[in-house]
Protein backbone atom coordinates (compact mmCIF):
# COMPACT_ATOMS: atom_id res chain seq x y z
CA MET A 1 0.00 0.00 0.00
CA VAL A 2 2.95 2.31 0.67
CA ALA A 3 5.82 2.54 -1.79
CA ARG A 4 8.63 2.23 0.74
CA ALA A 5 9.77 -0.55 3.00
CA THR A 6 9.95 -0.19 6.77
CA ALA A 7 10.68 -2.57 9.60
CA ARG A 8 7.43 -1.62 11.35
CA ALA A 9 4.11 -0.22 10.17
CA ASP A 10 4.23 2.46 12.86
CA GLU A 11 7.13 4.02 10.95
CA LEU A 12 4.63 5.10 8.28
CA SER A 13 2.44 8.18 8.60
CA ASP A 14 -1.32 8.20 8.22
CA GLU A 15 -0.85 10.46 5.20
CA GLU A 16 1.34 7.82 3.52
CA PHE A 17 -1.37 5.21 4.10
CA ARG A 18 -4.10 7.54 2.76
CA ASP A 19 -2.00 8.41 -0.31
CA GLY A 20 -1.31 4.72 -0.88
CA GLY A 21 -5.01 3.97 -0.54
CA ARG A 22 -5.85 6.51 -3.23
CA VAL A 23 -3.26 5.00 -5.58
CA LEU A 24 -4.57 1.51 -4.83
CA VAL A 25 -8.16 2.57 -5.61
CA GLU A 26 -6.99 3.93 -8.99
CA LYS A 27 -5.25 0.63 -9.78
CA VAL A 28 -8.28 -1.41 -8.76
CA GLU A 29 -10.56 0.77 -10.88
CA GLN A 30 -8.26 0.22 -13.84
CA LEU A 31 -7.60 -3.51 -13.40
CA ARG A 32 -11.00 -4.52 -11.93
CA PRO A 33 -10.01 -7.64 -9.99
CA ARG A 34 -12.77 -9.61 -8.26
CA TRP A 35 -11.03 -9.29 -4.88
CA LEU A 36 -8.56 -6.94 -3.23
CA ALA A 37 -6.73 -8.40 -0.23
CA VAL A 38 -5.15 -5.91 2.16
CA ALA A 39 -2.56 -7.35 4.55
CA GLY A 40 -2.97 -5.45 7.78
CA VAL A 41 -6.31 -4.28 9.11
CA THR A 42 -4.72 -1.18 10.64
CA ALA A 43 -3.34 -0.17 7.24
CA TYR A 44 -6.79 -0.75 5.74
CA ARG A 45 -8.50 1.32 8.44
CA VAL A 46 -6.22 4.30 7.91
CA ALA A 47 -5.99 4.12 4.10
CA PHE A 48 -9.73 3.79 3.59
CA GLY A 49 -10.98 5.80 6.56
CA ASP A 50 -12.84 2.87 8.11
CA LYS A 51 -12.05 2.93 11.83
CA ARG A 52 -14.35 -0.01 12.59
CA ALA A 53 -12.99 -2.46 10.00
CA GLN A 54 -12.25 -5.95 11.25
CA ILE A 55 -10.34 -8.84 9.72
CA GLY A 56 -12.40 -10.45 6.97
CA PRO A 57 -14.65 -9.28 4.13
CA GLN A 58 -15.48 -5.59 4.13
CA GLU A 59 -18.78 -3.93 3.29
CA ARG A 60 -16.98 -1.40 1.11
CA THR A 61 -16.32 -2.27 -2.52
CA ILE A 62 -14.37 -0.50 -5.24
CA GLY A 63 -16.67 -0.78 -8.22
CA GLY A 64 -17.34 -4.51 -8.43
CA THR A 65 -14.21 -5.41 -6.47
CA ARG A 66 -14.76 -6.92 -3.03
CA ILE A 67 -12.23 -6.18 -0.27
CA TRP A 68 -10.86 -8.52 2.38
CA ALA A 69 -8.69 -7.30 5.26
CA LEU A 70 -6.15 -9.90 6.30
CA PRO A 71 -3.96 -10.00 9.40
CA ASN A 72 -0.53 -8.49 8.93
CA PRO A 73 1.90 -11.40 8.38
CA SER A 74 4.67 -9.59 10.27
CA GLY A 75 6.34 -11.57 13.02
CA LEU A 76 5.56 -8.57 15.25
CA ASN A 77 1.85 -9.42 15.02
CA ALA A 78 1.94 -11.90 17.90
CA GLN A 79 -1.82 -12.09 18.38
CA TRP A 80 -2.14 -13.97 15.09
CA THR A 81 -0.48 -17.38 15.22
CA LEU A 82 0.56 -19.01 11.97
CA PRO A 83 -2.35 -21.53 12.10
CA ARG A 84 -4.91 -18.75 12.75
CA MET A 85 -3.42 -16.66 9.97
CA ALA A 86 -3.55 -19.62 7.57
CA GLU A 87 -7.23 -20.12 8.44
CA GLU A 88 -8.01 -16.51 7.57
CA PHE A 89 -6.13 -16.70 4.27
CA ALA A 90 -8.04 -19.93 3.53
CA ARG A 91 -11.36 -18.14 4.21
CA LEU A 92 -10.46 -15.58 1.55
CA ARG A 93 -9.40 -18.29 -0.87
CA GLU A 94 -12.71 -20.09 -0.38
CA ALA A 95 -14.70 -16.87 -0.83
CA ALA A 96 -12.76 -16.10 -3.99
CA GLY A 97 -13.47 -19.56 -5.36
CA VAL A 98 -9.86 -20.52 -6.06
């Protein structure tokens, strides 16, 4: 979502996330995928201005593109174990029909 690498998401500003969200919306509008997966619900919340977003499918769409917020796969995200994370990624895969 943001065009620079950091060790931690908290090294990025809200403005960077919002700018990245705008760029991402433009790309989705152009490419029109069926699903957009965003790794990191906090990044999704800031980029798309949805403070109440939770992990999983979102109510918001971009045109016909559905959105799914996934847990951040960073090792710093201790609340999501690898098995729980795999389950969530599998839920998206099932919803996407792949």
